[in-house]
Amino acid sequence: MSGKSPKTKSLTVKQATFDLLRAFGIRKVFGNPGSTELPFLSDWPDDIDYVLGLQEASVVGMADGYAQATRNAGFVNLHSAAGVGNALGNIYTAYRNQTPLVITAGQQARSILPLQAFLSAERASEFPRPYVKYSIEPARPEDVPGAIARAYYTAMQPPCGPTFVSVPIDDWTQPAQPVALRKISCEMGPDRAALAELADALATANHAALVIGPGVDRAGCVDLMVEVAEKARAAVWVSPFSARCSFPERHPLFQGFLPASPGQLSEALKPYGVVVVIGAPVFTFHVEGHAAIFDGETAIYQITDDTEAASVPPIGTSIVATMKPALSLLRELLPKAKRAAPKGRVPPEPPKASDPIPVEYLLHALSIAMPPDAALVEEAPSHRPAMQKFMPMRGQDSFYTMASGGLGWSLPAAVGLALGCPVRRTVCLIGDGSAMYSIQALWTAAQRKLPITVVVINNSGYGAMRSFSQVMQVRNVPGLDLPGLDFVKLAEGLGCDAVRVTKASELPAALKRGLAHDGTSLVEVMVDSAVPLLYAQKH
């Protein structure tokens, strides 16, 4: 028997990394190139698509949308410390969205790092914390592929999220060993006894409510969620600030959207003896107030795959599990309820056309004009209540927004969604203020002729801030008005088809044209600048 070990294939760090990406099923890398990334980018392989974005925040937003569309980690390549700094807002959003991303960033050569080299990042792994699940600058070049593998597995474990690997410029050409693909389960089963207790509470309650959050849609379990709700004959509410549509909004059990105000949320849930929160925190609030829901009269249960979210509620029972096994077992354990099904939400009367164009009329017209399989990506916070009223979503994979509340995500995310699912139309509904955060994402969409229609709601200002200034009773706030923005010229300058609508009579034809355009189109709609109230005013 020979004492010689078998020869191992000789690879560079770069070759080992690309082999890993192929094994992980990653076919696109999103990036904005810089000098510290050039060795990684040189002689780029034909089988992996490099998606160029014109700014790092846009690049991360694109990867986020793509990861949500494909349910696989997005791979991002950023430029050193400055690029990571530019990207941090959307890294934070990806963390709140629970989107799996593997983010790599360039770093200066190891030999000159002690000299505070130009473009170097001091303590690079600390820069994106705490909004990444794992962050490292490997100690040796040969450790880079293993670090990227760990970053991928960590990103994909529930709750999913971004991870970060800093790679010095001279590491990519160094020798490395191949890293074998591993299988790691991403599902966690529930405690059967705890779920049986929940099923019994649901079955025996006079009135029960399900509060459904984005975790259900992320897990691809909307149909299963509907089956559970119908078997329980429970009222269905959407959790505050849900970033996905986890229940069909035309379903007869659907009640509406919970506000992020403690008092208003408590009032909405007051009629129910049992409240079960599924795939969401308990609860996400935005303003102060007394949360009577926590006073103990309501039995609260939670199903979540996030152990941190499970530790937060002041009362109730939290069951840690991923959605598919938890909902499957709950459906099995739950007896068919005998109580009468609650009455569903009454659809509003269609809004009337007038000039200036009411936002409600625009949203209703867009809802009618959109293809039935279209995906809506939204970033118009001040108009979200009107959107929820006049644009009911169909359920699975129909709606996306940012869970962080940070602007600048939705336009590039729409690009990523269109790249991940190019057979359907992606519609980006965005405010004029929001659009300016990542407007350069239009260039990538136009270059690739992606099937995206961007509808800009132009009310000449930051509508959400106008609303909050009224709620908080503060006056003379500077910086809320945005005069002089011309989105048609901006879009055309970035290669898109574009049109402006100023009259209600022009709107249906403009939307039809934009939604049918072969490529990326933009429809700028000048709307009434009246300020909608997001919450009841304080007295």
Protein backbone atom coordinates (compact mmCIF):
# COMPACT_ATOMS: atom_id res chain seq x y z
CA MET A 1 0.00 0.00 0.00
CA SER A 2 1.51 3.34 -1.06
CA GLY A 3 2.13 5.97 1.57
CA LYS A 4 1.52 8.76 -0.92
CA SER A 5 -1.65 10.79 -0.56
CA PRO A 6 -3.73 11.45 -3.70
CA LYS A 7 -2.96 14.67 -5.49
CA THR A 8 -5.30 17.55 -4.79
CA LYS A 9 -6.36 19.78 -7.65
CA SER A 10 -4.26 22.96 -7.69
CA LEU A 11 -6.47 26.05 -7.52
CA THR A 12 -6.25 29.73 -6.77
CA VAL A 13 -8.46 31.42 -4.18
CA LYS A 14 -10.42 32.96 -7.03
CA GLN A 15 -10.96 29.63 -8.83
CA ALA A 16 -12.02 27.91 -5.62
CA THR A 17 -14.49 30.74 -4.94
CA PHE A 18 -16.08 30.52 -8.39
CA ASP A 19 -16.40 26.75 -8.03
CA LEU A 20 -18.22 27.37 -4.74
CA LEU A 21 -20.60 29.88 -6.34
CA ARG A 22 -21.46 27.36 -9.06
CA ALA A 23 -22.08 24.68 -6.43
CA PHE A 24 -24.36 27.06 -4.49
CA GLY A 25 -26.40 27.77 -7.63
CA ILE A 26 -25.31 31.41 -7.74
CA ARG A 27 -25.45 32.58 -11.34
CA LYS A 28 -25.22 36.35 -10.85
CA VAL A 29 -22.80 38.59 -8.97
CA PHE A 30 -23.89 42.17 -8.26
CA GLY A 31 -21.17 44.76 -8.07
CA ASN A 32 -19.68 48.18 -8.61
CA PRO A 33 -15.97 47.74 -9.39
CA GLY A 34 -13.03 49.38 -7.67
CA SER A 35 -9.28 48.95 -7.79
CA THR A 36 -9.15 46.54 -4.85
CA GLU A 37 -11.51 44.17 -6.71
CA LEU A 38 -9.70 44.06 -10.06
CA PRO A 39 -7.91 40.73 -9.50
CA PHE A 40 -11.28 39.14 -8.67
CA LEU A 41 -12.96 40.70 -11.71
CA SER A 42 -10.24 39.93 -14.28
CA ASP A 43 -10.97 37.20 -16.88
CA TRP A 44 -14.56 36.97 -15.68
CA PRO A 45 -16.16 33.55 -16.40
CA ASP A 46 -18.87 33.30 -19.06
CA ASP A 47 -21.22 31.20 -16.93
CA ILE A 48 -21.67 33.78 -14.15
CA ASP A 49 -23.40 37.07 -14.97
CA TYR A 50 -21.79 40.22 -13.55
CA VAL A 51 -24.60 42.73 -12.90
CA LEU A 52 -23.21 46.25 -12.86
CA GLY A 53 -24.85 48.86 -10.66
CA LEU A 54 -23.75 52.49 -10.59
CA GLN A 55 -23.62 52.88 -6.80
CA GLU A 56 -23.08 50.44 -3.97
CA ALA A 57 -26.43 50.94 -2.21
CA SER A 58 -28.16 50.13 -5.50
CA VAL A 59 -26.00 47.04 -5.93
CA VAL A 60 -27.05 45.67 -2.53
CA GLY A 61 -30.71 46.52 -3.21
CA MET A 62 -30.55 44.64 -6.53
CA ALA A 63 -29.01 41.60 -4.88
CA ASP A 64 -31.71 41.75 -2.17
CA GLY A 65 -34.53 41.76 -4.72
CA TYR A 66 -32.87 38.98 -6.71
CA ALA A 67 -32.43 36.85 -3.58
CA GLN A 68 -36.08 37.32 -2.64
CA ALA A 69 -37.18 36.32 -6.15
CA THR A 70 -34.97 33.22 -6.34
CA ARG A 71 -34.96 32.25 -2.62
CA ASN A 72 -31.21 31.77 -2.83
CA ALA A 73 -28.49 34.02 -1.46
CA GLY A 74 -27.52 37.04 -3.52
CA PHE A 75 -23.76 37.52 -4.02
CA VAL A 76 -22.42 41.08 -3.85
CA ASN A 77 -18.94 42.49 -4.52
CA LEU A 78 -18.24 45.95 -3.06
CA HIS A 79 -15.29 48.31 -3.15
CA SER A 80 -13.30 48.48 0.08
CA ALA A 81 -14.34 50.73 2.98
CA ALA A 82 -15.86 53.57 0.95
CA GLY A 83 -18.06 51.18 -1.03
CA VAL A 84 -19.23 49.38 2.09
CA GLY A 85 -20.02 52.76 3.63
CA ASN A 86 -22.15 53.70 0.63
CA ALA A 87 -23.96 50.38 0.85
CA LEU A 88 -24.69 50.34 4.59
CA GLY A 89 -28.25 51.69 4.36
CA ASN A 90 -29.36 48.81 2.15
CA ILE A 91 -27.28 46.29 4.13
CA TYR A 92 -29.36 47.39 7.13
CA THR A 93 -32.52 46.94 5.07
CA ALA A 94 -31.44 43.45 3.94
CA TYR A 95 -30.91 42.57 7.61
CA ARG A 96 -34.42 43.77 8.51
CA ASN A 97 -35.84 42.06 5.40
CA GLN A 98 -34.13 38.82 6.50
CA THR A 99 -32.72 38.46 3.00
CA PRO A 100 -29.78 36.05 2.51
CA LEU A 101 -26.79 37.90 1.01
CA VAL A 102 -23.08 37.09 0.81
CA ILE A 103 -21.27 40.43 0.62
CA THR A 104 -17.60 40.52 -0.27
CA ALA A 105 -15.54 43.70 -0.21
CA GLY A 106 -12.05 44.52 -1.44
CA GLN A 107 -9.24 45.35 0.93
CA GLN A 108 -5.75 46.69 0.34
CA ALA A 109 -2.78 44.31 0.02
CA ARG A 110 -1.79 42.60 3.25
CA SER A 111 1.82 43.80 2.98
CA ILE A 112 0.87 47.50 3.17
CA LEU A 113 -2.07 47.31 5.58
CA PRO A 114 0.16 48.21 8.58
CA LEU A 115 1.07 51.47 6.79
CA GLN A 116 -2.54 52.79 6.72
CA ALA A 117 -2.63 52.36 2.97
CA PHE A 118 -4.93 54.35 0.72
CA LEU A 119 -8.36 52.63 0.35
CA SER A 120 -7.63 50.28 3.23
CA ALA A 121 -10.29 49.45 5.81
CA GLU A 122 -9.25 49.34 9.46
CA ARG A 123 -11.06 46.57 11.34
CA ALA A 124 -12.95 45.80 8.12
CA SER A 125 -15.07 43.04 9.64
CA GLU A 126 -16.47 45.44 12.24
CA PHE A 127 -17.68 47.98 9.69
CA PRO A 128 -21.04 46.39 8.76
CA ARG A 129 -21.82 45.05 12.23
CA PRO A 130 -24.30 44.56 13.84
CA TYR A 131 -26.38 44.27 10.67
CA VAL A 132 -24.72 41.16 9.31
CA LYS A 133 -25.00 37.65 10.74
CA TYR A 134 -21.33 36.81 10.18
CA SER A 135 -18.37 39.05 9.34
CA ILE A 136 -14.70 38.23 8.81
CA GLU A 137 -11.45 39.17 7.14
CA PRO A 138 -9.71 35.78 6.88
CA ALA A 139 -6.31 35.46 8.54
CA ARG A 140 -4.73 33.80 5.49
CA PRO A 141 -5.45 33.92 1.74
CA GLU A 142 -6.15 30.19 1.64
CA ASP A 143 -8.91 30.69 4.22
CA VAL A 144 -11.00 32.91 1.92
CA PRO A 145 -13.02 30.16 0.13
CA GLY A 146 -13.88 28.53 3.45
CA ALA A 147 -14.98 31.89 4.87
CA ILE A 148 -17.22 32.47 1.84
CA ALA A 149 -18.71 29.00 2.25
CA ARG A 150 -19.47 29.69 5.91
CA ALA A 151 -20.93 33.08 4.96
CA TYR A 152 -23.30 31.38 2.50
CA TYR A 153 -24.46 28.69 4.95
CA THR A 154 -24.97 31.31 7.66
CA ALA A 155 -26.89 33.64 5.34
CA MET A 156 -29.26 30.83 4.39
CA GLN A 157 -30.00 29.67 7.94
CA PRO A 158 -33.23 31.03 9.47
CA PRO A 159 -33.64 33.80 10.14
CA CYS A 160 -31.83 34.56 6.89
CA GLY A 161 -29.72 37.68 6.52
CA PRO A 162 -26.60 39.27 5.03
CA THR A 163 -23.05 38.14 5.79
CA PHE A 164 -19.72 39.85 5.03
CA VAL A 165 -16.22 38.78 3.94
CA SER A 166 -13.37 41.28 3.46
CA VAL A 167 -10.76 40.03 0.94
CA PRO A 168 -7.34 41.69 0.48
CA ILE A 169 -6.48 42.47 -3.13
CA ASP A 170 -3.57 40.03 -3.32
CA ASP A 171 -5.46 37.04 -1.91
CA TRP A 172 -7.31 36.08 -5.10
CA THR A 173 -4.25 34.78 -6.95
CA GLN A 174 -2.86 32.77 -4.02
CA PRO A 175 -3.10 28.94 -3.96
CA ALA A 176 -6.07 27.33 -2.22
CA GLN A 177 -7.70 23.95 -1.73
CA PRO A 178 -11.17 23.22 -3.10
CA VAL A 179 -14.04 23.50 -0.63
CA ALA A 180 -16.61 20.71 -0.89
CA LEU A 181 -20.31 21.51 -1.04
CA ARG A 182 -22.18 20.60 2.13
CA LYS A 183 -25.88 20.11 2.80
CA ILE A 184 -27.38 21.91 5.77
CA SER A 185 -31.08 21.70 6.56
CA CYS A 186 -32.80 25.08 6.71
CA GLU A 187 -36.00 23.85 8.39
CA MET A 188 -36.69 23.65 12.14
CA GLY A 189 -39.59 21.61 13.47
CA PRO A 190 -41.90 22.94 16.22
CA ASP A 191 -42.44 21.65 19.74
CA ARG A 192 -45.48 19.41 19.20
CA ALA A 193 -46.86 19.89 22.71
CA ALA A 194 -46.66 23.68 22.42
CA LEU A 195 -48.37 23.59 19.03
CA ALA A 196 -51.08 21.28 20.38
CA GLU A 197 -51.74 23.82 23.15
CA LEU A 198 -52.01 26.56 20.52
CA ALA A 199 -54.39 24.46 18.39
CA ASP A 200 -56.61 23.84 21.41
CA ALA A 201 -56.67 27.55 22.28
CA LEU A 202 -57.67 28.39 18.71
CA ALA A 203 -60.35 25.72 18.64
CA THR A 204 -62.00 26.76 21.93
CA ALA A 205 -61.84 30.55 21.60
CA ASN A 206 -65.06 32.41 20.92
CA HIS A 207 -63.18 34.83 18.70
CA ALA A 208 -59.68 34.26 17.34
CA ALA A 209 -57.36 36.28 15.14
CA LEU A 210 -54.31 35.37 13.11
CA VAL A 211 -51.76 38.16 12.68
CA ILE A 212 -49.71 37.17 9.65
CA GLY A 213 -46.31 38.59 8.78
CA PRO A 214 -43.71 38.47 6.01
CA GLY A 215 -42.15 35.20 7.20
CA VAL A 216 -45.01 33.22 5.64
CA ASP A 217 -44.48 34.63 2.13
CA ARG A 218 -40.69 34.37 2.46
CA ALA A 219 -41.11 30.65 3.19
CA GLY A 220 -43.44 30.13 0.22
CA CYS A 221 -46.27 29.04 2.53
CA VAL A 222 -49.17 31.35 1.66
CA ASP A 223 -51.43 28.54 0.38
CA LEU A 224 -50.73 26.55 3.55
CA MET A 225 -51.49 29.64 5.64
CA VAL A 226 -54.86 29.99 3.88
CA GLU A 227 -55.72 26.37 4.69
CA VAL A 228 -54.96 26.91 8.38
CA ALA A 229 -57.00 30.14 8.51
CA GLU A 230 -59.98 28.50 6.82
CA LYS A 231 -59.86 25.50 9.13
CA ALA A 232 -59.69 27.81 12.17
CA ARG A 233 -62.32 30.22 10.80
CA ALA A 234 -60.18 32.96 12.30
CA ALA A 235 -60.02 36.62 11.40
CA VAL A 236 -56.83 37.44 9.50
CA TRP A 237 -54.87 40.64 10.04
CA VAL A 238 -51.55 41.74 8.54
CA SER A 239 -48.78 42.53 11.01
CA PRO A 240 -47.57 46.16 11.23
CA PHE A 241 -45.06 47.09 8.51
CA SER A 242 -45.19 43.67 6.86
CA ALA A 243 -42.76 43.74 3.93
CA ARG A 244 -44.49 40.91 2.02
CA CYS A 245 -48.04 39.77 1.24
CA SER A 246 -48.62 36.56 3.19
CA PHE A 247 -52.40 36.26 2.73
CA PRO A 248 -54.68 37.03 -0.25
CA GLU A 249 -56.22 40.42 0.49
CA ARG A 250 -59.51 39.63 -1.29
CA HIS A 251 -60.09 36.52 0.85
CA PRO A 252 -63.34 36.63 2.90
CA LEU A 253 -61.41 36.11 6.18
CA PHE A 254 -59.11 39.06 5.54
CA GLN A 255 -59.72 41.97 7.92
CA GLY A 256 -57.03 44.51 7.04
CA PHE A 257 -53.70 45.93 8.19
CA LEU A 258 -52.74 46.52 11.81
CA PRO A 259 -51.39 50.01 12.55
CA ALA A 260 -47.99 50.48 14.20
CA SER A 261 -49.59 52.51 16.98
CA PRO A 262 -49.93 50.62 20.31
CA GLY A 263 -53.33 52.08 21.10
CA GLN A 264 -54.83 51.58 17.64
CA LEU A 265 -53.45 48.05 17.32
CA SER A 266 -54.81 47.11 20.74
CA GLU A 267 -58.22 48.46 19.81
CA ALA A 268 -58.26 46.45 16.55
CA LEU A 269 -57.40 43.21 18.38
CA LYS A 270 -59.62 43.87 21.44
CA PRO A 271 -62.51 41.62 20.26
CA TYR A 272 -60.34 38.48 20.16
CA GLY A 273 -59.65 36.19 23.09
CA VAL A 274 -56.79 34.46 21.26
CA VAL A 275 -54.30 36.16 18.93
CA VAL A 276 -51.73 34.08 17.03
CA VAL A 277 -48.84 35.98 15.42
CA ILE A 278 -47.25 34.00 12.58
CA GLY A 279 -44.02 34.97 10.85
CA ALA A 280 -43.83 38.40 12.48
CA PRO A 281 -42.70 40.16 15.68
CA VAL A 282 -45.09 40.82 18.57
CA PHE A 283 -45.48 43.75 17.64
CA THR A 284 -43.64 46.37 15.56
CA PHE A 285 -44.60 49.85 16.82
CA HIS A 286 -43.68 53.24 15.39
CA VAL A 287 -45.18 55.70 17.85
CA GLU A 288 -45.65 55.84 21.61
CA GLY A 289 -48.76 54.77 23.50
CA HIS A 290 -50.21 52.24 25.89
CA ALA A 291 -50.37 48.72 24.41
CA ALA A 292 -53.46 47.34 26.15
CA ILE A 293 -52.97 44.12 24.17
CA PHE A 294 -50.23 43.28 26.70
CA ASP A 295 -52.41 43.80 29.79
CA GLY A 296 -53.17 40.08 29.99
CA GLU A 297 -56.78 39.80 28.84
CA THR A 298 -55.73 38.40 25.44
CA ALA A 299 -53.94 35.06 25.05
CA ILE A 300 -51.04 35.70 22.64
CA TYR A 301 -49.15 32.99 20.76
CA GLN A 302 -46.32 33.44 18.28
CA ILE A 303 -44.78 31.17 15.63
CA THR A 304 -41.42 32.48 14.45
CA ASP A 305 -38.11 31.20 13.08
CA ASP A 306 -36.31 34.09 14.79
CA THR A 307 -35.14 33.30 18.33
CA GLU A 308 -34.50 36.99 19.02
CA ALA A 309 -38.07 37.89 18.02
CA ALA A 310 -39.29 35.07 20.27
CA SER A 311 -37.51 36.59 23.27
CA VAL A 312 -39.06 40.06 22.93
CA PRO A 313 -42.84 39.76 23.70
CA PRO A 314 -43.68 40.76 27.30
CA ILE A 315 -46.40 38.09 27.56
CA GLY A 316 -47.61 35.00 25.72
CA THR A 317 -46.12 31.83 24.26
CA SER A 318 -43.56 31.78 21.44
CA ILE A 319 -42.95 28.65 19.36
CA VAL A 320 -39.66 28.66 17.46
CA ALA A 321 -39.92 26.85 14.13
CA THR A 322 -39.79 27.51 10.43
CA MET A 323 -43.10 28.15 8.72
CA LYS A 324 -43.58 25.03 6.62
CA PRO A 325 -43.26 22.37 9.35
CA ALA A 326 -45.08 24.56 11.89
CA LEU A 327 -48.06 25.35 9.67
CA SER A 328 -48.23 21.77 8.39
CA LEU A 329 -48.43 20.41 11.93
CA LEU A 330 -50.89 23.11 13.02
CA ARG A 331 -53.15 22.19 10.10
CA GLU A 332 -52.98 18.54 11.24
CA LEU A 333 -53.68 19.27 14.93
CA LEU A 334 -56.37 21.90 14.44
CA PRO A 335 -59.98 20.65 14.46
CA LYS A 336 -62.30 22.32 11.99
CA ALA A 337 -63.83 25.24 13.87
CA LYS A 338 -67.59 25.26 14.44
CA ARG A 339 -67.86 28.98 15.12
CA ALA A 340 -69.19 31.30 12.43
CA ALA A 341 -66.57 32.75 10.11
CA PRO A 342 -65.95 36.45 10.70
CA LYS A 343 -67.17 38.95 8.16
CA GLY A 344 -64.45 40.10 5.80
CA ARG A 345 -63.36 43.56 4.83
CA VAL A 346 -65.84 45.51 2.68
CA PRO A 347 -64.18 46.76 -0.53
CA PRO A 348 -64.27 50.55 -0.86
CA GLU A 349 -66.11 52.41 -3.57
CA PRO A 350 -63.86 53.19 -6.56
CA PRO A 351 -62.41 56.71 -6.21
CA LYS A 352 -63.53 59.35 -8.64
CA ALA A 353 -61.26 61.07 -11.14
CA SER A 354 -60.47 64.73 -10.62
CA ASP A 355 -57.68 67.25 -11.14
CA PRO A 356 -55.25 67.49 -9.46
CA ILE A 357 -55.08 63.69 -9.49
CA PRO A 358 -56.01 62.11 -6.14
CA VAL A 359 -53.54 59.45 -5.05
CA GLU A 360 -56.43 57.06 -4.43
CA TYR A 361 -57.51 57.37 -8.07
CA LEU A 362 -53.96 56.65 -9.27
CA LEU A 363 -53.64 53.55 -7.08
CA HIS A 364 -57.03 52.18 -8.11
CA ALA A 365 -56.20 52.75 -11.79
CA LEU A 366 -52.84 51.05 -11.40
CA SER A 367 -54.43 48.07 -9.64
CA ILE A 368 -56.79 47.61 -12.59
CA ALA A 369 -54.08 48.08 -15.22
CA MET A 370 -51.41 45.74 -13.74
CA PRO A 371 -51.09 42.23 -15.22
CA PRO A 372 -52.56 39.63 -12.84
CA ASP A 373 -49.16 37.99 -12.26
CA ALA A 374 -47.22 41.25 -11.75
CA ALA A 375 -45.08 41.85 -8.67
CA LEU A 376 -45.40 45.20 -6.90
CA VAL A 377 -42.36 46.75 -5.21
CA GLU A 378 -43.38 49.74 -3.09
CA GLU A 379 -41.58 52.68 -1.49
CA ALA A 380 -44.20 55.36 -0.98
CA PRO A 381 -44.63 55.40 2.82
CA SER A 382 -47.07 58.30 3.02
CA HIS A 383 -49.40 56.58 0.55
CA ARG A 384 -49.25 53.07 2.00
CA PRO A 385 -52.66 53.28 3.76
CA ALA A 386 -54.30 54.30 0.47
CA MET A 387 -52.40 51.56 -1.36
CA GLN A 388 -53.57 48.96 1.16
CA LYS A 389 -57.13 50.16 0.65
CA PHE A 390 -57.24 50.36 -3.15
CA MET A 391 -54.60 47.85 -4.29
CA PRO A 392 -55.41 44.43 -2.77
CA MET A 393 -52.53 41.98 -3.33
CA ARG A 394 -53.10 38.41 -4.48
CA GLY A 395 -50.75 36.67 -2.00
CA GLN A 396 -47.60 34.65 -2.71
CA ASP A 397 -44.78 36.62 -4.36
CA SER A 398 -47.00 39.60 -5.21
CA PHE A 399 -45.70 42.40 -2.95
CA TYR A 400 -42.35 43.60 -1.62
CA THR A 401 -41.24 46.59 0.40
CA MET A 402 -38.45 47.50 2.83
CA ALA A 403 -38.83 46.23 6.40
CA SER A 404 -36.33 48.81 7.68
CA GLY A 405 -38.20 51.98 6.74
CA GLY A 406 -34.99 53.23 5.09
CA LEU A 407 -35.43 54.79 1.67
CA GLY A 408 -33.41 53.84 -1.40
CA TRP A 409 -34.19 50.11 -1.53
CA SER A 410 -37.21 49.58 -3.75
CA LEU A 411 -36.01 50.88 -7.12
CA PRO A 412 -32.88 48.68 -7.21
CA ALA A 413 -34.82 45.82 -5.58
CA ALA A 414 -37.26 45.97 -8.51
CA VAL A 415 -34.28 45.49 -10.84
CA GLY A 416 -33.17 42.44 -8.86
CA LEU A 417 -36.69 40.99 -8.82
CA ALA A 418 -36.97 41.40 -12.59
CA LEU A 419 -33.62 39.67 -13.05
CA GLY A 420 -34.76 36.84 -10.79
CA CYS A 421 -38.14 36.40 -12.48
CA PRO A 422 -38.04 38.02 -15.94
CA VAL A 423 -41.20 36.28 -17.20
CA ARG A 424 -43.51 38.60 -15.23
CA ARG A 425 -43.87 42.38 -15.05
CA THR A 426 -42.32 44.10 -12.06
CA VAL A 427 -44.01 47.36 -11.03
CA CYS A 428 -42.15 49.78 -8.76
CA LEU A 429 -44.50 52.20 -7.00
CA ILE A 430 -42.35 54.92 -5.50
CA GLY A 431 -42.56 58.45 -4.13
CA ASP A 432 -40.63 61.33 -5.65
CA GLY A 433 -38.46 61.68 -2.55
CA SER A 434 -37.78 57.95 -2.35
CA ALA A 435 -36.90 57.69 -6.04
CA MET A 436 -33.97 60.09 -5.71
CA TYR A 437 -32.10 57.85 -3.28
CA SER A 438 -31.21 55.19 -5.88
CA ILE A 439 -32.31 56.68 -9.20
CA GLN A 440 -29.18 55.31 -10.93
CA ALA A 441 -30.68 51.79 -10.71
CA LEU A 442 -32.75 52.75 -13.77
CA TRP A 443 -29.59 52.56 -15.88
CA THR A 444 -29.05 48.87 -15.11
CA ALA A 445 -32.70 48.13 -15.87
CA ALA A 446 -32.58 50.03 -19.16
CA GLN A 447 -29.31 48.43 -20.27
CA ARG A 448 -30.80 44.98 -19.77
CA LYS A 449 -34.27 45.85 -21.14
CA LEU A 450 -35.87 44.46 -17.99
CA PRO A 451 -39.70 44.27 -17.84
CA ILE A 452 -40.10 46.99 -15.20
CA THR A 453 -42.59 49.84 -14.98
CA VAL A 454 -41.72 52.53 -12.44
CA VAL A 455 -44.66 54.68 -11.30
CA VAL A 456 -43.42 57.81 -9.54
CA ILE A 457 -45.98 59.49 -7.28
CA ASN A 458 -44.87 63.10 -7.43
CA ASN A 459 -46.38 65.25 -4.68
CA SER A 460 -43.36 67.60 -4.65
CA GLY A 461 -42.15 66.64 -1.20
CA TYR A 462 -41.55 64.15 1.57
CA GLY A 463 -45.18 63.26 2.26
CA ALA A 464 -44.49 61.00 5.24
CA MET A 465 -42.54 63.76 6.97
CA ARG A 466 -45.31 66.25 6.26
CA SER A 467 -47.75 63.82 7.87
CA PHE A 468 -45.61 63.22 10.94
CA SER A 469 -45.05 66.95 11.43
CA GLN A 470 -48.85 67.24 11.79
CA VAL A 471 -49.17 64.21 14.08
CA MET A 472 -46.34 65.48 16.29
CA GLN A 473 -47.67 69.05 16.05
CA VAL A 474 -44.36 70.56 14.99
CA ARG A 475 -44.25 73.47 12.57
CA ASN A 476 -41.87 75.23 10.19
CA VAL A 477 -39.81 72.09 9.48
CA PRO A 478 -37.26 72.76 6.70
CA GLY A 479 -36.47 70.34 3.86
CA LEU A 480 -39.91 68.81 3.29
CA ASP A 481 -40.55 70.31 -0.16
CA LEU A 482 -38.95 68.99 -3.35
CA PRO A 483 -39.70 71.42 -6.19
CA GLY A 484 -38.16 71.19 -9.65
CA LEU A 485 -37.63 67.42 -10.02
CA ASP A 486 -38.19 66.17 -13.59
CA PHE A 487 -38.34 62.38 -13.58
CA VAL A 488 -39.05 62.15 -17.30
CA LYS A 489 -35.74 63.81 -18.13
CA LEU A 490 -33.93 61.81 -15.47
CA ALA A 491 -35.33 58.51 -16.79
CA GLU A 492 -34.66 59.37 -20.42
CA GLY A 493 -31.10 60.36 -19.53
CA LEU A 494 -30.61 56.89 -18.03
CA GLY A 495 -32.03 55.16 -21.12
CA CYS A 496 -35.68 54.54 -20.15
CA ASP A 497 -38.96 55.28 -21.86
CA ALA A 498 -40.81 57.91 -19.81
CA VAL A 499 -43.98 60.01 -19.72
CA ARG A 500 -45.53 62.52 -17.32
CA VAL A 501 -49.23 62.56 -16.41
CA THR A 502 -50.84 65.73 -15.07
CA LYS A 503 -54.54 65.03 -15.75
CA ALA A 504 -56.70 62.13 -14.62
CA SER A 505 -58.01 61.65 -18.15
CA GLU A 506 -54.45 60.86 -19.33
CA LEU A 507 -53.72 58.26 -16.66
CA PRO A 508 -55.28 54.99 -17.97
CA ALA A 509 -53.62 55.28 -21.38
CA ALA A 510 -50.25 56.20 -19.85
CA LEU A 511 -50.33 53.23 -17.49
CA LYS A 512 -51.36 50.86 -20.27
CA ARG A 513 -48.51 52.11 -22.46
CA GLY A 514 -45.94 51.89 -19.68
CA LEU A 515 -46.97 48.39 -18.61
CA ALA A 516 -46.83 47.10 -22.19
CA HIS A 517 -43.45 48.67 -23.02
CA ASP A 518 -40.77 46.22 -24.17
CA GLY A 519 -38.19 47.08 -21.53
CA THR A 520 -38.09 49.57 -18.68
CA SER A 521 -40.57 52.43 -18.55
CA LEU A 522 -41.35 55.24 -16.12
CA VAL A 523 -44.66 57.00 -15.55
CA GLU A 524 -44.44 60.16 -13.49
CA VAL A 525 -47.84 61.11 -12.03
CA MET A 526 -48.33 64.59 -10.61
CA VAL A 527 -50.75 64.11 -7.72
CA ASP A 528 -52.61 66.20 -5.21
CA SER A 529 -50.13 67.31 -2.53
CA ALA A 530 -52.67 67.02 0.31
CA VAL A 531 -51.05 65.38 3.34
CA PRO A 532 -52.47 61.97 4.38
CA LEU A 533 -52.39 61.17 8.09
CA LEU A 534 -50.56 57.92 8.89
CA TYR A 535 -51.77 57.81 12.51
CA ALA A 536 -54.40 59.61 14.52
CA GLN A 537 -53.24 63.03 15.69
CA LYS A 538 -52.23 63.46 19.31
CA HIS A 539 -54.39 65.74 21.43
